[in-house]
Amino acid sequence: MATSSPASANETTRFQAKVRQEYVRKGKFGPHIGPEQDNIIQVNQDLKKTSIALVTKITGGGVSGNTAMAGNETPLSDYDFTTQPTYWRQAVLVDNEDNEKAEFDLFKEARPALMNWTMEKKRDQIIQAMGAVWAGGTYYNYGGTEGAVGSTAAAAANMDTWLGTNETRVLYGTTQTHTAADHTTSLSGIASTEKMDVETISLLKRMAKRASPLIRPVTIKSDEPWYVFYMGSLGFRDIRIDLDSRHQNALPRDIKDNVLWTGGDLVYDGVIIKEVPEIDTFIDGDSSGSPWDGVWGANAASGDGLDNGGTSSARLGVGFFCGAQAVAFGLGRLPSFKRRKEDDYEHLNGIGITMKHDIKKTFYNNKQHGMITSFHAAAAD
């Protein structure tokens, strides 16, 4: 009996289509990535520099009665924010000797592993972008050298400059009274008891609605306005505990629809609360030697490490309360697989993946545009 199997080139083509689809839309951030102004992470595709424009709302009272309109027009205010896509690549090389020793095809197994690498790279760069600061016209990472194209780690003075122009867009602890002119001082005012709770969620929402320019909620299911709050596992643990009694009284009793049993996102006061465990890696590290290992903790600027920045060296967490256009995703090229051509007389099998992008928090007129940054107590387990 004769059997048929697809040509290897066809297998590659299908896998390439899959990785391109999942590259943008998969993961914790995926549902909120898209090309529209209503997306939290707005994609703008261009091979070279790409700019995301902001046109602010019209202010002023206009004219009435017999007052002439001519000469009393109000100018539109517009700003731009630029990304610079660059290539990110990874590859696997296997020779025939080792490939034939294995019980599986190392060459084929490399494809999903490389696809996972693209997902994790994008996810971690989004997290790094959410923590970024803007000071004196320069974009900085909260800590660490890898992130947006050309970015470097912020010094303590850069953090202070960022805070000076974003005071209404940063919350230290559970009240606005901790905010000082100095970022380190503001962090040190957060007590270990100031864990994330529902009152703080509502405070963040009020801050977003009062912000100028406005932090717009995103629209879900055609007409429902929502904010989305991304936070690490330890802060998520605390808000979940605070919500438990409300869930017990308010949610359906069946296992299928009650987050007490199923886990997943939390919802309160028009805010979707999402757990992103990797945020804690940026604070505590995981000894993996990755570019993100403790860059917001022990490896951050002196005094600004979130691993011990609170009152009496309390561990702090950070969350990102997001509306529309909080992050810019400058997409140069979608991921594609490449074969190594130097094959040592067909003895070496190399497969690589290449993609081109730049991911940044958006800043207009020195202010982070679509986000409130929340620092709060989040003790280790």
Protein backbone atom coordinates (compact mmCIF):
# COMPACT_ATOMS: atom_id res chain seq x y z
CA MET A 1 0.00 0.00 0.00
CA ALA A 2 1.43 3.36 -1.03
CA THR A 3 1.25 6.24 1.43
CA SER A 4 1.71 9.92 0.84
CA SER A 5 3.39 12.51 2.99
CA PRO A 6 3.72 16.25 2.47
CA ALA A 7 6.89 17.62 1.03
CA SER A 8 9.23 19.09 3.63
CA ALA A 9 8.93 22.51 2.01
CA ASN A 10 5.17 22.42 2.52
CA GLU A 11 5.63 21.53 6.19
CA THR A 12 7.93 24.53 6.53
CA THR A 13 5.44 26.84 4.82
CA ARG A 14 2.61 25.85 7.15
CA PHE A 15 4.80 26.19 10.22
CA GLN A 16 5.98 29.60 9.05
CA ALA A 17 2.37 30.77 8.73
CA LYS A 18 1.66 29.49 12.23
CA VAL A 19 4.57 31.30 13.85
CA ARG A 20 3.62 34.55 12.14
CA GLN A 21 0.06 34.34 13.44
CA GLU A 22 1.08 33.49 16.99
CA TYR A 23 3.98 35.96 17.13
CA VAL A 24 1.61 38.90 17.45
CA ARG A 25 -1.57 37.43 18.93
CA LYS A 26 -0.47 34.78 21.43
CA GLY A 27 0.29 35.19 25.15
CA LYS A 28 -0.89 37.41 27.99
CA PHE A 29 -0.50 40.55 25.90
CA GLY A 30 -1.75 39.11 22.60
CA PRO A 31 -5.48 39.92 22.89
CA HIS A 32 -4.63 43.60 23.31
CA ILE A 33 -2.12 43.91 20.44
CA GLY A 34 -3.35 45.37 17.17
CA PRO A 35 -3.12 48.17 14.62
CA GLU A 36 -5.95 50.33 15.94
CA GLN A 37 -5.74 53.33 18.28
CA ASP A 38 -8.05 51.39 20.61
CA ASN A 39 -5.39 48.72 21.27
CA ILE A 40 -3.21 48.83 24.40
CA ILE A 41 -0.19 47.77 22.35
CA GLN A 42 -0.53 49.50 18.99
CA VAL A 43 1.24 47.93 16.02
CA ASN A 44 2.60 50.10 13.25
CA GLN A 45 4.33 48.24 10.44
CA ASP A 46 7.26 49.71 8.52
CA LEU A 47 10.69 48.39 7.58
CA LYS A 48 12.41 51.55 8.78
CA LYS A 49 11.46 54.19 11.34
CA THR A 50 7.78 54.36 12.15
CA SER A 51 5.89 57.05 14.01
CA ILE A 52 2.68 56.78 16.01
CA ALA A 53 0.93 60.15 16.10
CA LEU A 54 -1.24 61.60 18.85
CA VAL A 55 -3.77 64.34 18.18
CA THR A 56 -5.08 65.74 21.45
CA LYS A 57 -8.65 66.82 22.08
CA ILE A 58 -9.74 70.37 21.23
CA THR A 59 -9.84 72.71 24.21
CA GLY A 60 -11.40 76.12 24.72
CA GLY A 61 -14.99 77.28 24.91
CA GLY A 62 -15.54 78.17 21.26
CA VAL A 63 -17.70 81.18 20.37
CA SER A 64 -21.36 82.01 20.77
CA GLY A 65 -23.88 84.59 19.66
CA ASN A 66 -22.59 87.25 17.25
CA THR A 67 -18.91 86.56 17.93
CA ALA A 68 -17.03 85.88 14.70
CA MET A 69 -15.60 82.40 14.22
CA ALA A 70 -12.87 83.73 11.93
CA GLY A 71 -9.80 84.58 13.96
CA ASN A 72 -10.95 82.51 16.95
CA GLU A 73 -10.03 79.06 15.65
CA THR A 74 -8.35 76.61 18.02
CA PRO A 75 -5.19 74.90 16.73
CA LEU A 76 -4.90 71.13 16.93
CA SER A 77 -2.07 69.87 19.13
CA ASP A 78 -0.28 66.82 17.78
CA TYR A 79 2.75 64.82 18.89
CA ASP A 80 4.66 61.90 17.46
CA PHE A 81 6.55 58.96 18.96
CA THR A 82 9.07 57.04 16.89
CA THR A 83 10.18 53.41 16.92
CA GLN A 84 13.17 52.00 15.05
CA PRO A 85 12.71 48.30 14.17
CA THR A 86 15.82 46.14 14.24
CA TYR A 87 16.52 42.44 13.66
CA TRP A 88 16.33 39.82 16.41
CA ARG A 89 17.59 36.36 15.46
CA GLN A 90 18.19 32.92 16.93
CA ALA A 91 19.34 29.62 15.39
CA VAL A 92 20.05 25.95 16.08
CA LEU A 93 22.81 23.90 14.41
CA VAL A 94 22.77 20.09 14.36
CA ASP A 95 25.18 17.77 12.56
CA ASN A 96 24.15 14.39 11.14
CA GLU A 97 26.22 12.48 13.69
CA ASP A 98 24.29 13.85 16.68
CA ASN A 99 20.96 13.94 14.87
CA GLU A 100 21.15 10.22 14.10
CA LYS A 101 21.94 9.33 17.74
CA ALA A 102 18.69 10.86 18.95
CA GLU A 103 15.34 9.09 19.18
CA PHE A 104 13.67 12.07 17.53
CA ASP A 105 14.43 14.50 14.72
CA LEU A 106 16.39 17.34 16.32
CA PHE A 107 15.98 19.41 13.18
CA LYS A 108 12.18 19.29 13.33
CA GLU A 109 12.11 19.77 17.10
CA ALA A 110 14.08 22.99 16.67
CA ARG A 111 11.18 24.70 14.88
CA PRO A 112 8.71 24.85 17.81
CA ALA A 113 11.59 25.71 20.15
CA LEU A 114 12.52 28.67 17.95
CA MET A 115 8.87 29.70 17.74
CA ASN A 116 8.71 29.71 21.55
CA TRP A 117 11.84 31.86 21.60
CA THR A 118 10.10 34.53 19.49
CA MET A 119 7.07 34.51 21.81
CA GLU A 120 9.21 34.88 24.93
CA LYS A 121 11.41 37.57 23.39
CA LYS A 122 8.36 39.65 22.43
CA ARG A 123 6.75 39.13 25.86
CA ASP A 124 9.86 40.15 27.79
CA GLN A 125 10.46 43.19 25.60
CA ILE A 126 6.87 44.31 26.22
CA ILE A 127 7.43 43.99 29.98
CA GLN A 128 10.70 45.93 29.71
CA ALA A 129 8.89 48.61 27.69
CA MET A 130 6.14 48.96 30.30
CA GLY A 131 8.74 49.75 32.94
CA ALA A 132 10.62 52.28 30.81
CA VAL A 133 11.08 55.97 31.67
CA TRP A 134 11.62 59.15 29.66
CA ALA A 135 14.06 61.79 30.88
CA GLY A 136 15.44 64.82 29.09
CA GLY A 137 14.31 63.60 25.70
CA THR A 138 15.92 60.18 26.13
CA TYR A 139 14.25 56.77 26.50
CA TYR A 140 15.63 54.58 29.32
CA ASN A 141 14.96 51.10 30.67
CA TYR A 142 14.12 50.94 34.39
CA GLY A 143 17.15 48.66 34.50
CA GLY A 144 19.16 46.52 32.11
CA THR A 145 20.69 47.22 28.73
CA GLU A 146 18.41 45.10 26.52
CA GLY A 147 15.06 46.50 25.49
CA ALA A 148 14.05 49.07 22.91
CA VAL A 149 16.54 49.87 20.18
CA GLY A 150 19.32 52.08 21.59
CA SER A 151 17.98 52.11 25.15
CA THR A 152 20.18 51.97 28.25
CA ALA A 153 19.62 51.53 31.97
CA ALA A 154 18.29 54.56 33.82
CA ALA A 155 20.34 56.25 36.54
CA ALA A 156 18.67 57.50 39.70
CA ALA A 157 18.59 61.06 38.33
CA ASN A 158 16.77 59.85 35.20
CA MET A 159 14.09 58.25 37.39
CA ASP A 160 13.61 61.55 39.23
CA THR A 161 13.21 63.47 35.97
CA TRP A 162 10.64 60.94 34.74
CA LEU A 163 8.69 61.25 37.98
CA GLY A 164 8.73 65.04 37.77
CA THR A 165 6.73 65.00 34.52
CA ASN A 166 4.61 61.94 35.37
CA GLU A 167 3.64 62.57 38.98
CA THR A 168 -0.07 62.13 38.21
CA ARG A 169 0.66 58.89 36.34
CA VAL A 170 2.59 57.08 39.07
CA LEU A 171 1.16 55.65 42.31
CA TYR A 172 3.39 54.68 45.25
CA GLY A 173 1.66 52.32 47.67
CA THR A 174 -2.08 52.64 48.23
CA THR A 175 -2.37 56.45 48.50
CA GLN A 176 -1.00 59.43 46.60
CA THR A 177 0.66 60.91 49.70
CA HIS A 178 3.94 59.01 49.25
CA THR A 179 4.90 60.81 46.06
CA ALA A 180 7.99 62.97 46.54
CA ALA A 181 10.27 64.77 44.11
CA ASP A 182 12.71 61.87 44.38
CA HIS A 183 11.81 58.40 43.08
CA THR A 184 13.93 56.57 45.64
CA THR A 185 12.32 58.52 48.49
CA SER A 186 8.86 57.79 47.10
CA LEU A 187 9.59 54.06 46.98
CA SER A 188 10.96 54.06 50.52
CA GLY A 189 7.65 55.43 51.83
CA ILE A 190 5.76 52.27 50.82
CA ALA A 191 5.13 50.10 53.90
CA SER A 192 4.99 46.31 53.75
CA THR A 193 1.27 46.53 54.60
CA GLU A 194 0.43 48.49 51.46
CA LYS A 195 -0.50 45.48 49.36
CA MET A 196 -2.63 45.65 46.24
CA ASP A 197 -6.36 45.70 47.08
CA VAL A 198 -9.66 46.65 45.45
CA GLU A 199 -9.60 50.21 46.83
CA THR A 200 -6.26 50.76 45.09
CA ILE A 201 -7.65 49.36 41.85
CA SER A 202 -10.45 51.93 42.01
CA LEU A 203 -7.95 54.70 42.85
CA LEU A 204 -5.87 53.80 39.78
CA LYS A 205 -9.00 53.98 37.67
CA ARG A 206 -9.85 57.44 39.01
CA MET A 207 -6.29 58.60 38.32
CA ALA A 208 -6.56 57.34 34.73
CA LYS A 209 -9.86 59.16 34.21
CA ARG A 210 -8.45 62.42 35.66
CA ALA A 211 -5.19 62.27 33.69
CA SER A 212 -4.48 64.97 31.13
CA PRO A 213 -4.12 63.93 28.39
CA LEU A 214 -6.79 61.35 29.19
CA ILE A 215 -5.87 57.68 29.52
CA ARG A 216 -8.59 56.18 27.36
CA PRO A 217 -10.07 52.79 28.24
CA VAL A 218 -10.11 50.15 25.52
CA THR A 219 -13.35 48.90 24.04
CA ILE A 220 -14.18 45.22 24.43
CA LYS A 221 -17.22 43.51 22.89
CA SER A 222 -17.97 46.52 20.68
CA ASP A 223 -19.13 48.99 23.32
CA GLU A 224 -17.77 48.12 26.78
CA PRO A 225 -14.95 50.40 28.07
CA TRP A 226 -12.32 48.61 30.15
CA TYR A 227 -8.87 49.20 31.58
CA VAL A 228 -6.35 46.35 31.84
CA PHE A 229 -3.96 45.99 34.79
CA TYR A 230 -0.88 43.79 34.32
CA MET A 231 0.98 42.70 37.46
CA GLY A 232 3.34 40.04 38.80
CA SER A 233 2.29 36.86 40.59
CA LEU A 234 2.92 38.14 44.12
CA GLY A 235 0.84 41.29 43.69
CA PHE A 236 -1.81 39.23 41.90
CA ARG A 237 -1.87 36.89 44.90
CA ASP A 238 -2.70 39.80 47.21
CA ILE A 239 -5.50 41.23 45.07
CA ARG A 240 -6.97 37.75 44.65
CA ILE A 241 -7.06 37.30 48.44
CA ASP A 242 -8.75 40.68 48.82
CA LEU A 243 -11.32 39.71 46.21
CA ASP A 244 -12.06 36.25 47.61
CA SER A 245 -14.98 37.25 49.84
CA ARG A 246 -16.55 39.26 47.03
CA HIS A 247 -16.19 36.31 44.68
CA GLN A 248 -17.77 34.01 47.23
CA ASN A 249 -20.83 36.25 47.42
CA ALA A 250 -21.12 37.52 43.88
CA LEU A 251 -19.91 34.91 41.39
CA PRO A 252 -21.75 31.84 40.08
CA ARG A 253 -21.54 28.78 42.34
CA ASP A 254 -20.61 26.35 39.58
CA ILE A 255 -16.98 25.41 39.09
CA LYS A 256 -16.90 26.30 35.40
CA ASP A 257 -17.59 30.04 35.80
CA ASN A 258 -16.08 30.85 39.21
CA VAL A 259 -12.46 32.08 39.24
CA LEU A 260 -12.06 30.75 42.78
CA TRP A 261 -11.77 27.33 41.15
CA THR A 262 -10.67 28.02 37.60
CA GLY A 263 -8.03 30.73 38.10
CA GLY A 264 -7.39 33.13 35.23
CA ASP A 265 -8.01 36.87 35.01
CA LEU A 266 -9.73 38.82 37.77
CA VAL A 267 -12.29 41.56 37.15
CA TYR A 268 -13.25 44.48 39.38
CA ASP A 269 -14.76 47.94 38.79
CA GLY A 270 -14.34 47.84 35.02
CA VAL A 271 -10.73 46.65 35.25
CA ILE A 272 -9.39 43.35 33.91
CA ILE A 273 -6.52 42.21 36.15
CA LYS A 274 -3.97 39.96 34.45
CA GLU A 275 -1.18 37.97 36.08
CA VAL A 276 2.18 38.11 34.28
CA PRO A 277 4.56 35.90 36.30
CA GLU A 278 7.63 37.07 34.38
CA ILE A 279 7.33 40.55 35.91
CA ASP A 280 8.65 39.02 39.13
CA THR A 281 11.72 37.73 37.27
CA PHE A 282 12.58 41.33 36.40
CA ILE A 283 12.54 42.09 40.15
CA ASP A 284 13.90 38.95 41.82
CA GLY A 285 15.85 37.26 39.04
CA ASP A 286 15.87 33.53 38.40
CA SER A 287 19.62 32.85 38.08
CA SER A 288 19.11 31.95 34.42
CA GLY A 289 21.55 34.55 33.17
CA SER A 290 18.87 36.08 30.94
CA PRO A 291 19.00 39.79 30.02
CA TRP A 292 16.02 40.37 32.35
CA ASP A 293 17.47 38.71 35.46
CA GLY A 294 16.78 41.11 38.34
CA VAL A 295 17.13 44.26 36.21
CA TRP A 296 14.41 46.01 38.26
CA GLY A 297 15.76 44.59 41.51
CA ALA A 298 19.36 44.08 42.56
CA ASN A 299 20.63 45.26 39.18
CA ALA A 300 18.65 48.54 39.06
CA ALA A 301 20.06 51.95 39.96
CA SER A 302 21.23 52.25 43.55
CA GLY A 303 18.26 52.66 45.92
CA ASP A 304 15.66 52.00 43.20
CA GLY A 305 15.69 48.19 43.27
CA LEU A 306 12.19 46.87 43.86
CA ASP A 307 13.52 43.78 45.64
CA ASN A 308 14.11 45.89 48.78
CA GLY A 309 13.05 49.47 47.96
CA GLY A 310 10.17 49.89 50.44
CA THR A 311 10.07 50.90 54.10
CA SER A 312 12.50 48.75 56.12
CA SER A 313 13.72 47.23 52.83
CA ALA A 314 10.30 45.76 52.03
CA ARG A 315 9.98 43.96 48.70
CA LEU A 316 7.87 45.89 46.20
CA GLY A 317 5.93 44.85 43.15
CA VAL A 318 4.99 46.88 40.12
CA GLY A 319 1.88 46.88 37.97
CA PHE A 320 0.89 48.64 34.77
CA PHE A 321 -2.63 50.05 34.61
CA CYS A 322 -3.20 50.42 30.88
CA GLY A 323 -5.53 52.14 28.49
CA ALA A 324 -5.23 52.60 24.74
CA GLN A 325 -1.86 53.17 23.03
CA ALA A 326 0.19 52.47 26.14
CA VAL A 327 2.92 50.67 24.15
CA ALA A 328 4.13 51.11 20.57
CA PHE A 329 5.00 47.97 18.60
CA GLY A 330 7.05 49.00 15.57
CA LEU A 331 6.87 45.92 13.36
CA GLY A 332 9.49 45.72 10.60
CA ARG A 333 9.22 42.08 9.50
CA LEU A 334 7.19 39.12 10.71
CA PRO A 335 9.22 36.07 11.83
CA SER A 336 10.50 33.75 9.13
CA PHE A 337 12.65 30.61 9.19
CA LYS A 338 16.00 30.51 7.44
CA ARG A 339 18.20 27.52 6.57
CA ARG A 340 21.97 27.62 6.94
CA LYS A 341 23.63 27.41 3.54
CA GLU A 342 27.15 26.49 4.69
CA ASP A 343 26.34 22.82 5.26
CA ASP A 344 29.80 21.12 5.21
CA TYR A 345 28.85 18.82 2.32
CA GLU A 346 25.30 18.34 3.70
CA HIS A 347 26.58 17.29 7.11
CA LEU A 348 25.39 20.35 9.06
CA ASN A 349 21.71 21.19 9.47
CA GLY A 350 21.06 24.75 10.57
CA ILE A 351 17.69 26.32 11.15
CA GLY A 352 17.21 29.88 12.33
CA ILE A 353 14.46 32.40 12.83
CA THR A 354 14.63 36.12 12.16
CA MET A 355 12.23 38.97 12.98
CA LYS A 356 12.43 42.73 13.01
CA HIS A 357 10.70 45.01 15.51
CA ASP A 358 11.04 47.68 18.19
CA ILE A 359 8.79 47.80 21.26
CA LYS A 360 8.53 50.93 23.43
CA LYS A 361 6.28 52.57 25.98
CA THR A 362 4.73 55.61 24.33
CA PHE A 363 5.65 59.08 25.58
CA TYR A 364 4.14 62.30 24.26
CA ASN A 365 5.32 65.69 25.52
CA ASN A 366 7.43 63.85 28.16
CA LYS A 367 4.43 61.98 29.63
CA GLN A 368 3.80 58.23 29.43
CA HIS A 369 0.68 58.26 27.36
CA GLY A 370 -1.65 55.36 28.13
CA MET A 371 -0.55 54.06 31.50
CA ILE A 372 -0.46 54.52 35.27
CA THR A 373 2.54 52.82 36.93
CA SER A 374 1.73 51.28 40.32
CA PHE A 375 4.40 50.44 42.89
CA HIS A 376 3.04 48.44 45.84
CA ALA A 377 4.15 46.06 48.56
CA ALA A 378 4.37 42.43 47.40
CA ALA A 379 6.22 40.26 49.88
CA ALA A 380 7.87 37.06 48.72
CA ASP A 381 6.13 33.78 49.59
